[in-house]
């Protein structure tokens, strides 16, 4: 599935707006609601599903569940 240029442009625009905020707490809230939630959460959902489908021997990156449960 190719990347949607309009979505990328929108994400970059929202990131620029958040970067311009001086107060750290307000900036973090803006990133969460304007960048992470609308753009990264859908990507994360798809990657989490892929991690379950692809065999561990074929998935070269550390899986999220492995990061959570390191011993």
Protein backbone atom coordinates (compact mmCIF):
# COMPACT_ATOMS: atom_id res chain seq x y z
CA UNK A 1 0.00 0.00 0.00
CA UNK A 2 1.69 3.24 -1.08
CA UNK A 3 1.99 6.18 1.25
CA UNK A 4 -0.69 8.84 0.93
CA UNK A 5 1.09 12.12 0.05
CA UNK A 6 -1.74 14.20 1.56
CA UNK A 7 -1.48 12.32 4.86
CA UNK A 8 2.30 12.78 4.92
CA UNK A 9 1.93 16.50 4.23
CA UNK A 10 -0.69 16.77 6.96
CA UNK A 11 1.50 14.90 9.47
CA UNK A 12 4.47 17.14 8.69
CA UNK A 13 2.29 20.23 9.05
CA UNK A 14 0.97 19.11 12.42
CA UNK A 15 4.50 18.32 13.56
CA UNK A 16 5.70 21.80 12.57
CA UNK A 17 2.84 23.36 14.54
CA UNK A 18 3.71 21.27 17.61
CA UNK A 19 7.43 22.11 17.25
CA UNK A 20 6.64 25.82 17.40
CA UNK A 21 5.09 25.49 20.87
CA UNK A 22 7.48 26.75 23.53
CA UNK A 23 6.01 25.16 26.65
CA UNK A 24 7.21 21.55 26.94
CA UNK A 25 4.02 20.19 28.49
CA UNK A 26 1.79 21.88 25.92
CA UNK A 27 4.08 20.66 23.13
CA UNK A 28 3.86 17.08 24.43
CA UNK A 29 0.07 17.26 24.58
CA UNK A 30 -0.04 18.65 21.03
CA UNK A 31 2.24 15.89 19.74
CA UNK A 32 0.08 13.26 21.39
CA UNK A 33 -3.24 14.54 20.11
CA UNK A 34 -2.21 16.03 16.75
CA UNK A 35 0.63 13.75 15.60
CA UNK A 36 0.74 10.44 17.47
CA UNK A 37 -2.95 9.62 17.69
CA UNK A 38 -3.98 10.34 14.10
CA UNK A 39 -0.80 9.23 12.32
CA UNK A 40 1.24 6.78 14.37
CA UNK A 41 -1.51 4.76 16.04
CA UNK A 42 -2.83 3.35 12.73
CA UNK A 43 0.72 2.44 11.69
CA UNK A 44 1.35 0.82 15.06
CA UNK A 45 -1.85 -1.25 14.76
CA UNK A 46 -0.76 -2.63 11.37
CA UNK A 47 2.78 -3.40 12.51
CA UNK A 48 1.49 -5.18 15.63
CA UNK A 49 -0.67 -7.40 13.40
CA UNK A 50 2.28 -8.10 11.10
CA UNK A 51 4.45 -9.10 14.06
CA UNK A 52 1.93 -11.82 14.86
CA UNK A 53 1.78 -13.11 11.28
CA UNK A 54 5.48 -13.14 10.37
CA UNK A 55 7.61 -15.96 11.76
CA UNK A 56 10.20 -14.89 14.35
CA UNK A 57 13.02 -16.16 12.11
CA UNK A 58 11.89 -13.85 9.31
CA UNK A 59 11.20 -10.74 11.44
CA UNK A 60 14.65 -9.16 11.86
CA UNK A 61 13.55 -6.30 14.12
CA UNK A 62 12.93 -6.61 17.83
CA UNK A 63 9.23 -7.16 18.39
CA UNK A 64 7.33 -4.87 20.72
CA UNK A 65 6.37 -7.72 23.04
CA UNK A 66 10.06 -8.67 23.30
CA UNK A 67 10.92 -5.13 24.43
CA UNK A 68 8.25 -5.29 27.11
CA UNK A 69 9.25 -8.66 28.51
CA UNK A 70 13.05 -8.67 28.38
CA UNK A 71 14.60 -10.76 31.10
